[in-house]
Amino acid sequence: MSSTTGASGGLLGTGAVISCPHGGRATTATTSTSAVLMDGMPVATAEHGYVVTGCPHTVDGVPVPCVSVRWTADGSGVTVGGASVLLDTSAAECFTAAFVPQGPPVVQAGRRRVAVR
């Protein structure tokens, strides 16, 4: 893990509780072999893909659920394996299957112990 500038926010692990703005659950869709762990789970990076399940959002009675979350690397300079880490303050957007933006995800991040193996 390296840092070149100060970062503001708490690190997210791949097991962080993340939801879409409508209450659907977002989980990581990719695996990581990161050597940096939080509570036994890899630290999340901007390269991780996230899928949303259970989004109840509708428009005029037609289901238009969030299905994915895309994160924007914040340029904090904090990286793991060359990929920017995700912080509880990192910019992100939830999208429908047609890539229509639905709003930012809700992140419930707690301070956790970080370990490097």
Protein backbone atom coordinates (compact mmCIF):
# COMPACT_ATOMS: atom_id res chain seq x y z
CA MET A 1 0.00 0.00 0.00
CA SER A 2 1.36 3.40 -0.83
CA SER A 3 0.31 7.00 -0.28
CA THR A 4 1.64 10.11 -1.95
CA THR A 5 -0.87 12.65 -0.62
CA GLY A 6 -3.27 12.88 2.26
CA ALA A 7 -6.61 11.10 1.91
CA SER A 8 -9.76 11.97 3.77
CA GLY A 9 -12.22 9.19 4.56
CA GLY A 10 -12.27 5.65 5.85
CA LEU A 11 -11.01 2.71 3.81
CA LEU A 12 -13.65 0.38 2.41
CA GLY A 13 -13.25 -3.36 2.46
CA THR A 14 -14.93 -5.59 -0.11
CA GLY A 15 -17.38 -6.59 2.62
CA ALA A 16 -18.57 -3.02 3.30
CA VAL A 17 -22.34 -2.50 3.50
CA ILE A 18 -23.27 -0.53 0.38
CA SER A 19 -26.73 0.06 -1.03
CA CYS A 20 -28.27 1.92 -3.93
CA PRO A 21 -30.33 5.04 -3.13
CA HIS A 22 -33.49 2.89 -3.24
CA GLY A 23 -32.32 0.23 -0.79
CA GLY A 24 -30.90 -2.45 -3.11
CA ARG A 25 -27.76 -4.21 -1.84
CA ALA A 26 -24.47 -3.62 -3.69
CA THR A 27 -21.80 -6.31 -3.49
CA THR A 28 -18.46 -6.74 -5.18
CA ALA A 29 -18.64 -8.83 -8.34
CA THR A 30 -14.90 -9.30 -8.68
CA THR A 31 -12.42 -11.11 -6.52
CA SER A 32 -9.22 -9.67 -5.17
CA THR A 33 -5.90 -11.11 -4.16
CA SER A 34 -4.95 -7.93 -2.31
CA ALA A 35 -2.33 -8.30 0.38
CA VAL A 36 -4.10 -5.57 2.38
CA LEU A 37 -7.00 -6.90 4.43
CA MET A 38 -9.70 -5.35 6.61
CA ASP A 39 -11.37 -7.79 8.98
CA GLY A 40 -10.08 -10.61 6.77
CA MET A 41 -11.52 -9.09 3.56
CA PRO A 42 -9.47 -7.37 0.82
CA VAL A 43 -9.45 -3.56 0.70
CA ALA A 44 -11.80 -2.37 -2.07
CA THR A 45 -10.32 -0.56 -5.07
CA ALA A 46 -11.76 1.43 -7.96
CA GLU A 47 -11.09 -1.60 -10.16
CA HIS A 48 -13.63 -3.75 -8.31
CA GLY A 49 -16.95 -4.21 -10.07
CA TYR A 50 -20.12 -3.93 -7.97
CA VAL A 51 -23.56 -5.36 -8.73
CA VAL A 52 -26.84 -4.29 -7.14
CA THR A 53 -29.59 -6.75 -6.25
CA GLY A 54 -33.03 -6.13 -4.82
CA CYS A 55 -33.48 -2.53 -6.00
CA PRO A 56 -37.22 -1.74 -5.91
CA HIS A 57 -37.04 1.47 -8.00
CA THR A 58 -39.86 2.04 -10.50
CA VAL A 59 -40.75 4.84 -12.93
CA ASP A 60 -44.47 5.19 -13.69
CA GLY A 61 -45.02 1.65 -12.36
CA VAL A 62 -42.29 0.13 -14.55
CA PRO A 63 -39.35 -1.50 -12.73
CA VAL A 64 -36.11 0.39 -13.41
CA PRO A 65 -33.75 -1.10 -10.82
CA CYS A 66 -30.17 -0.17 -10.14
CA VAL A 67 -27.93 -3.04 -11.29
CA SER A 68 -24.39 -1.72 -10.91
CA VAL A 69 -22.18 0.80 -9.14
CA ARG A 70 -19.29 2.56 -10.82
CA TRP A 71 -16.63 4.23 -8.68
CA THR A 72 -14.45 7.17 -9.66
CA ALA A 73 -10.85 7.00 -8.51
CA ASP A 74 -10.47 10.06 -6.33
CA GLY A 75 -6.81 10.72 -6.96
CA SER A 76 -5.98 10.53 -3.26
CA GLY A 77 -2.73 8.79 -4.13
CA VAL A 78 -3.52 5.83 -1.86
CA THR A 79 -3.16 2.63 -3.86
CA VAL A 80 -3.09 -1.13 -3.36
CA GLY A 81 -1.41 -3.08 -6.14
CA GLY A 82 -1.47 0.04 -8.34
CA ALA A 83 -5.25 0.56 -8.01
CA SER A 84 -6.79 3.48 -6.12
CA VAL A 85 -8.44 2.38 -2.88
CA LEU A 86 -12.08 3.19 -2.21
CA LEU A 87 -12.91 5.44 0.70
CA ASP A 88 -16.30 5.97 2.29
CA THR A 89 -16.11 9.42 0.65
CA SER A 90 -15.19 8.19 -2.88
CA ALA A 91 -17.44 9.38 -5.72
CA ALA A 92 -19.70 6.72 -7.24
CA GLU A 93 -22.93 6.39 -9.20
CA CYS A 94 -25.56 3.62 -9.41
CA PHE A 95 -26.80 2.68 -12.89
CA THR A 96 -29.68 0.80 -14.51
CA ALA A 97 -29.08 -1.99 -17.04
CA ALA A 98 -29.40 0.72 -19.74
CA PHE A 99 -26.62 2.73 -17.98
CA VAL A 100 -29.02 5.44 -16.78
CA PRO A 101 -27.60 7.14 -13.65
CA GLN A 102 -29.78 6.60 -10.56
CA GLY A 103 -27.82 8.46 -7.88
CA PRO A 104 -24.92 7.79 -5.54
CA PRO A 105 -24.72 4.66 -3.41
CA VAL A 106 -25.15 4.79 0.35
CA VAL A 107 -22.05 3.56 2.18
CA GLN A 108 -22.21 2.41 5.78
CA ALA A 109 -18.54 2.31 6.65
CA GLY A 110 -17.17 1.69 10.09
CA ARG A 111 -13.60 2.12 11.19
CA ARG A 112 -11.93 -1.23 10.98
CA ARG A 113 -8.55 -2.74 11.63
CA VAL A 114 -6.29 -2.89 8.56
CA ALA A 115 -3.68 -5.64 8.19
CA VAL A 116 -0.94 -6.13 5.60
CA ARG A 117 0.09 -9.72 4.96
